[in-house]
Amino acid sequence: MVQHLIDDAVSVLQRYLPSSVRIRESHEQSLPTIHMDPNQKLTLALVELHAALEAGRAG
């Protein structure tokens, strides 16, 4: 699907989010993953994505 967007010249971020079981646990506890486990792989990926998006807005 992503490749199809790229082929159609749609702007696609190069950062991808990994799948995680921790998200389900986060939803069950109504607690953001960053509060449950700040060093978890998906949490770090989300923080990096946010930083990249903010950098794009500032630049």
PDB file of N, CA and C in Angstrom:
ATOM      1  N   MET A   1       0.821  -1.182   0.000  1.00  0.00           N
ATOM      2  CA  MET A   1       0.000   0.000   0.000  1.00  0.00           C
ATOM      3  C   MET A   1       0.875   1.260   0.000  1.00  0.00           C
ATOM      4  N   VAL A   2       1.893   1.276   0.849  1.00  0.00           N
ATOM      5  CA  VAL A   2       2.765   2.441   0.918  1.00  0.00           C
ATOM      6  C   VAL A   2       3.487   2.637  -0.416  1.00  0.00           C
ATOM      7  N   GLN A   3       3.953   1.553  -0.992  1.00  0.00           N
ATOM      8  CA  GLN A   3       4.648   1.665  -2.278  1.00  0.00           C
ATOM      9  C   GLN A   3       3.725   2.235  -3.353  1.00  0.00           C
ATOM     10  N   HIS A   4       2.445   1.873  -3.305  1.00  0.00           N
ATOM     11  CA  HIS A   4       1.484   2.398  -4.272  1.00  0.00           C
ATOM     12  C   HIS A   4       1.379   3.922  -4.122  1.00  0.00           C
ATOM     13  N   LEU A   5       1.357   4.417  -2.897  1.00  0.00           N
ATOM     14  CA  LEU A   5       1.312   5.860  -2.676  1.00  0.00           C
ATOM     15  C   LEU A   5       2.568   6.530  -3.216  1.00  0.00           C
ATOM     16  N   ILE A   6       3.713   5.915  -2.940  1.00  0.00           N
ATOM     17  CA  ILE A   6       4.979   6.459  -3.442  1.00  0.00           C
ATOM     18  C   ILE A   6       4.978   6.481  -4.960  1.00  0.00           C
ATOM     19  N   ASP A   7       4.505   5.398  -5.581  1.00  0.00           N
ATOM     20  CA  ASP A   7       4.431   5.326  -7.047  1.00  0.00           C
ATOM     21  C   ASP A   7       3.529   6.408  -7.618  1.00  0.00           C
ATOM     22  N   ASP A   8       2.505   6.805  -6.854  1.00  0.00           N
ATOM     23  CA  ASP A   8       1.584   7.848  -7.290  1.00  0.00           C
ATOM     24  C   ASP A   8       2.066   9.251  -6.913  1.00  0.00           C
ATOM     25  N   ALA A   9       3.320   9.336  -6.461  1.00  0.00           N
ATOM     26  CA  ALA A   9       3.949  10.613  -6.106  1.00  0.00           C
ATOM     27  C   ALA A   9       3.282  11.305  -4.915  1.00  0.00           C
ATOM     28  N   VAL A  10       2.710  10.512  -4.031  1.00  0.00           N
ATOM     29  CA  VAL A  10       2.150  11.058  -2.800  1.00  0.00           C
ATOM     30  C   VAL A  10       3.283  11.159  -1.789  1.00  0.00           C
ATOM     31  N   SER A  11       3.357  12.270  -1.077  1.00  0.00           N
ATOM     32  CA  SER A  11       4.412  12.464  -0.087  1.00  0.00           C
ATOM     33  C   SER A  11       4.176  11.506   1.090  1.00  0.00           C
ATOM     34  N   VAL A  12       5.180  10.674   1.367  1.00  0.00           N
ATOM     35  CA  VAL A  12       5.083   9.670   2.423  1.00  0.00           C
ATOM     36  C   VAL A  12       6.273   9.835   3.360  1.00  0.00           C
ATOM     37  N   LEU A  13       5.996   9.843   4.656  1.00  0.00           N
ATOM     38  CA  LEU A  13       7.090   9.917   5.630  1.00  0.00           C
ATOM     39  C   LEU A  13       7.927   8.654   5.560  1.00  0.00           C
ATOM     40  N   GLN A  14       9.215   8.789   5.792  1.00  0.00           N
ATOM     41  CA  GLN A  14      10.102   7.633   5.754  1.00  0.00           C
ATOM     42  C   GLN A  14      10.175   6.913   7.101  1.00  0.00           C
ATOM     43  N   ARG A  15       9.520   7.417   8.101  1.00  0.00           N
ATOM     44  CA  ARG A  15       9.503   6.757   9.408  1.00  0.00           C
ATOM     45  C   ARG A  15       8.278   5.851   9.470  1.00  0.00           C
ATOM     46  N   TYR A  16       8.512   4.626   9.905  1.00  0.00           N
ATOM     47  CA  TYR A  16       7.423   3.660  10.017  1.00  0.00           C
ATOM     48  C   TYR A  16       7.300   3.210  11.461  1.00  0.00           C
ATOM     49  N   LEU A  17       6.083   2.927  11.894  1.00  0.00           N
ATOM     50  CA  LEU A  17       5.844   2.511  13.274  1.00  0.00           C
ATOM     51  C   LEU A  17       5.755   0.992  13.354  1.00  0.00           C
ATOM     52  N   PRO A  18       6.488   0.398  14.288  1.00  0.00           N
ATOM     53  CA  PRO A  18       6.425  -1.054  14.453  1.00  0.00           C
ATOM     54  C   PRO A  18       5.130  -1.461  15.142  1.00  0.00           C
ATOM     55  N   SER A  19       4.711  -2.698  14.965  1.00  0.00           N
ATOM     56  CA  SER A  19       3.530  -3.188  15.674  1.00  0.00           C
ATOM     57  C   SER A  19       3.899  -3.463  17.123  1.00  0.00           C
ATOM     58  N   SER A  20       2.903  -3.459  18.006  1.00  0.00           N
ATOM     59  CA  SER A  20       3.197  -3.634  19.418  1.00  0.00           C
ATOM     60  C   SER A  20       1.996  -4.165  20.178  1.00  0.00           C
ATOM     61  N   VAL A  21       2.255  -5.091  21.073  1.00  0.00           N
ATOM     62  CA  VAL A  21       1.212  -5.595  21.976  1.00  0.00           C
ATOM     63  C   VAL A  21       0.973  -4.581  23.084  1.00  0.00           C
ATOM     64  N   ARG A  22       1.973  -3.779  23.371  1.00  0.00           N
ATOM     65  CA  ARG A  22       1.864  -2.791  24.449  1.00  0.00           C
ATOM     66  C   ARG A  22       0.739  -1.783  24.191  1.00  0.00           C
ATOM     67  N   ILE A  23       0.402  -1.548  22.956  1.00  0.00           N
ATOM     68  CA  ILE A  23      -0.687  -0.618  22.651  1.00  0.00           C
ATOM     69  C   ILE A  23      -2.003  -1.145  23.213  1.00  0.00           C
ATOM     70  N   ARG A  24      -2.262  -2.431  23.036  1.00  0.00           N
ATOM     71  CA  ARG A  24      -3.482  -3.025  23.581  1.00  0.00           C
ATOM     72  C   ARG A  24      -3.490  -2.875  25.099  1.00  0.00           C
ATOM     73  N   GLU A  25      -2.369  -3.133  25.730  1.00  0.00           N
ATOM     74  CA  GLU A  25      -2.273  -2.986  27.185  1.00  0.00           C
ATOM     75  C   GLU A  25      -2.500  -1.532  27.584  1.00  0.00           C
ATOM     76  N   SER A  26      -1.967  -0.624  26.808  1.00  0.00           N
ATOM     77  CA  SER A  26      -2.148   0.797  27.065  1.00  0.00           C
ATOM     78  C   SER A  26      -3.623   1.184  26.989  1.00  0.00           C
ATOM     79  N   HIS A  27      -4.318   0.667  25.963  1.00  0.00           N
ATOM     80  CA  HIS A  27      -5.756   0.952  25.822  1.00  0.00           C
ATOM     81  C   HIS A  27      -6.541   0.363  26.986  1.00  0.00           C
ATOM     82  N   GLU A  28      -6.195  -0.843  27.377  1.00  0.00           N
ATOM     83  CA  GLU A  28      -6.902  -1.501  28.482  1.00  0.00           C
ATOM     84  C   GLU A  28      -6.755  -0.715  29.789  1.00  0.00           C
ATOM     85  N   GLN A  29      -5.596  -0.122  29.993  1.00  0.00           N
ATOM     86  CA  GLN A  29      -5.337   0.627  31.221  1.00  0.00           C
ATOM     87  C   GLN A  29      -5.655   2.115  31.087  1.00  0.00           C
ATOM     88  N   SER A  30      -6.085   2.536  29.903  1.00  0.00           N
ATOM     89  CA  SER A  30      -6.363   3.954  29.618  1.00  0.00           C
ATOM     90  C   SER A  30      -5.176   4.828  30.020  1.00  0.00           C
ATOM     91  N   LEU A  31      -3.991   4.377  29.614  1.00  0.00           N
ATOM     92  CA  LEU A  31      -2.762   5.068  29.961  1.00  0.00           C
ATOM     93  C   LEU A  31      -1.870   5.124  28.722  1.00  0.00           C
ATOM     94  N   PRO A  32      -1.393   6.316  28.351  1.00  0.00           N
ATOM     95  CA  PRO A  32      -0.522   6.407  27.180  1.00  0.00           C
ATOM     96  C   PRO A  32       0.723   5.534  27.336  1.00  0.00           C
ATOM     97  N   THR A  33       1.181   4.957  26.250  1.00  0.00           N
ATOM     98  CA  THR A  33       2.339   4.064  26.309  1.00  0.00           C
ATOM     99  C   THR A  33       3.573   4.755  26.861  1.00  0.00           C
ATOM    100  N   ILE A  34       3.704   6.050  26.630  1.00  0.00           N
ATOM    101  CA  ILE A  34       4.886   6.753  27.119  1.00  0.00           C
ATOM    102  C   ILE A  34       4.939   6.749  28.648  1.00  0.00           C
ATOM    103  N   HIS A  35       3.773   6.649  29.301  1.00  0.00           N
ATOM    104  CA  HIS A  35       3.731   6.578  30.762  1.00  0.00           C
ATOM    105  C   HIS A  35       3.925   5.148  31.254  1.00  0.00           C
ATOM    106  N   MET A  36       3.540   4.186  30.449  1.00  0.00           N
ATOM    107  CA  MET A  36       3.699   2.781  30.837  1.00  0.00           C
ATOM    108  C   MET A  36       5.153   2.341  30.707  1.00  0.00           C
ATOM    109  N   ASP A  37       5.782   2.687  29.589  1.00  0.00           N
ATOM    110  CA  ASP A  37       7.132   2.221  29.302  1.00  0.00           C
ATOM    111  C   ASP A  37       7.798   3.192  28.334  1.00  0.00           C
ATOM    112  N   PRO A  38       8.442   4.235  28.871  1.00  0.00           N
ATOM    113  CA  PRO A  38       9.016   5.267  28.008  1.00  0.00           C
ATOM    114  C   PRO A  38      10.126   4.778  27.078  1.00  0.00           C
ATOM    115  N   ASN A  39      10.707   3.632  27.355  1.00  0.00           N
ATOM    116  CA  ASN A  39      11.788   3.114  26.518  1.00  0.00           C
ATOM    117  C   ASN A  39      11.338   1.990  25.600  1.00  0.00           C
ATOM    118  N   GLN A  40      10.036   1.767  25.505  1.00  0.00           N
ATOM    119  CA  GLN A  40       9.493   0.716  24.652  1.00  0.00           C
ATOM    120  C   GLN A  40       9.678   1.120  23.196  1.00  0.00           C
ATOM    121  N   LYS A  41       9.915   0.155  22.333  1.00  0.00           N
ATOM    122  CA  LYS A  41      10.248   0.411  20.927  1.00  0.00           C
ATOM    123  C   LYS A  41       9.218   1.301  20.218  1.00  0.00           C
ATOM    124  N   LEU A  42       7.942   1.017  20.380  1.00  0.00           N
ATOM    125  CA  LEU A  42       6.914   1.814  19.708  1.00  0.00           C
ATOM    126  C   LEU A  42       6.841   3.218  20.297  1.00  0.00           C
ATOM    127  N   THR A  43       6.979   3.328  21.613  1.00  0.00           N
ATOM    128  CA  THR A  43       6.962   4.645  22.244  1.00  0.00           C
ATOM    129  C   THR A  43       8.083   5.510  21.685  1.00  0.00           C
ATOM    130  N   LEU A  44       9.274   4.945  21.573  1.00  0.00           N
ATOM    131  CA  LEU A  44      10.408   5.695  21.025  1.00  0.00           C
ATOM    132  C   LEU A  44      10.168   6.072  19.570  1.00  0.00           C
ATOM    133  N   ALA A  45       9.549   5.187  18.810  1.00  0.00           N
ATOM    134  CA  ALA A  45       9.241   5.476  17.409  1.00  0.00           C
ATOM    135  C   ALA A  45       8.231   6.622  17.305  1.00  0.00           C
ATOM    136  N   LEU A  46       7.258   6.648  18.194  1.00  0.00           N
ATOM    137  CA  LEU A  46       6.265   7.731  18.185  1.00  0.00           C
ATOM    138  C   LEU A  46       6.907   9.066  18.560  1.00  0.00           C
ATOM    139  N   VAL A  47       7.815   9.042  19.525  1.00  0.00           N
ATOM    140  CA  VAL A  47       8.525  10.264  19.917  1.00  0.00           C
ATOM    141  C   VAL A  47       9.364  10.776  18.745  1.00  0.00           C
ATOM    142  N   GLU A  48      10.057   9.860  18.048  1.00  0.00           N
ATOM    143  CA  GLU A  48      10.854  10.254  16.878  1.00  0.00           C
ATOM    144  C   GLU A  48       9.973  10.811  15.767  1.00  0.00           C
ATOM    145  N   LEU A  49       8.815  10.188  15.537  1.00  0.00           N
ATOM    146  CA  LEU A  49       7.893  10.685  14.520  1.00  0.00           C
ATOM    147  C   LEU A  49       7.408  12.085  14.863  1.00  0.00           C
ATOM    148  N   HIS A  50       7.047  12.297  16.119  1.00  0.00           N
ATOM    149  CA  HIS A  50       6.598  13.627  16.552  1.00  0.00           C
ATOM    150  C   HIS A  50       7.687  14.662  16.322  1.00  0.00           C
ATOM    151  N   ALA A  51       8.921  14.318  16.694  1.00  0.00           N
ATOM    152  CA  ALA A  51      10.043  15.252  16.494  1.00  0.00           C
ATOM    153  C   ALA A  51      10.228  15.571  15.019  1.00  0.00           C
ATOM    154  N   ALA A  52      10.122  14.570  14.161  1.00  0.00           N
ATOM    155  CA  ALA A  52      10.285  14.799  12.723  1.00  0.00           C
ATOM    156  C   ALA A  52       9.173  15.695  12.188  1.00  0.00           C
ATOM    157  N   LEU A  53       7.960  15.466  12.637  1.00  0.00           N
ATOM    158  CA  LEU A  53       6.837  16.296  12.175  1.00  0.00           C
ATOM    159  C   LEU A  53       7.001  17.744  12.654  1.00  0.00           C
ATOM    160  N   GLU A  54       7.411  17.905  13.894  1.00  0.00           N
ATOM    161  CA  GLU A  54       7.630  19.254  14.421  1.00  0.00           C
ATOM    162  C   GLU A  54       8.770  19.955  13.679  1.00  0.00           C
ATOM    163  N   ALA A  55       9.835  19.225  13.376  1.00  0.00           N
ATOM    164  CA  ALA A  55      10.953  19.806  12.630  1.00  0.00           C
ATOM    165  C   ALA A  55      10.494  20.252  11.244  1.00  0.00           C
ATOM    166  N   GLY A  56       9.608  19.477  10.636  1.00  0.00           N
ATOM    167  CA  GLY A  56       9.075  19.832   9.323  1.00  0.00           C
ATOM    168  C   GLY A  56       8.236  21.081   9.362  1.00  0.00           C
ATOM    169  N   ARG A  57       7.508  21.262  10.447  1.00  0.00           N
ATOM    170  CA  ARG A  57       6.692  22.482  10.601  1.00  0.00           C
ATOM    171  C   ARG A  57       7.555  23.700  10.823  1.00  0.00           C
ATOM    172  N   ALA A  58       8.641  23.523  11.564  1.00  0.00           N
ATOM    173  CA  ALA A  58       9.516  24.655  11.885  1.00  0.00           C
ATOM    174  C   ALA A  58      10.377  25.042  10.684  1.00  0.00           C
ATOM    175  N   GLY A  59      10.650  24.041   9.815  1.00  0.00           N
ATOM    176  CA  GLY A  59      11.550  24.326   8.688  1.00  0.00           C
ATOM    177  C   GLY A  59      10.786  24.699   7.512  1.00  0.00           C
TER     178      GLY A  59
END
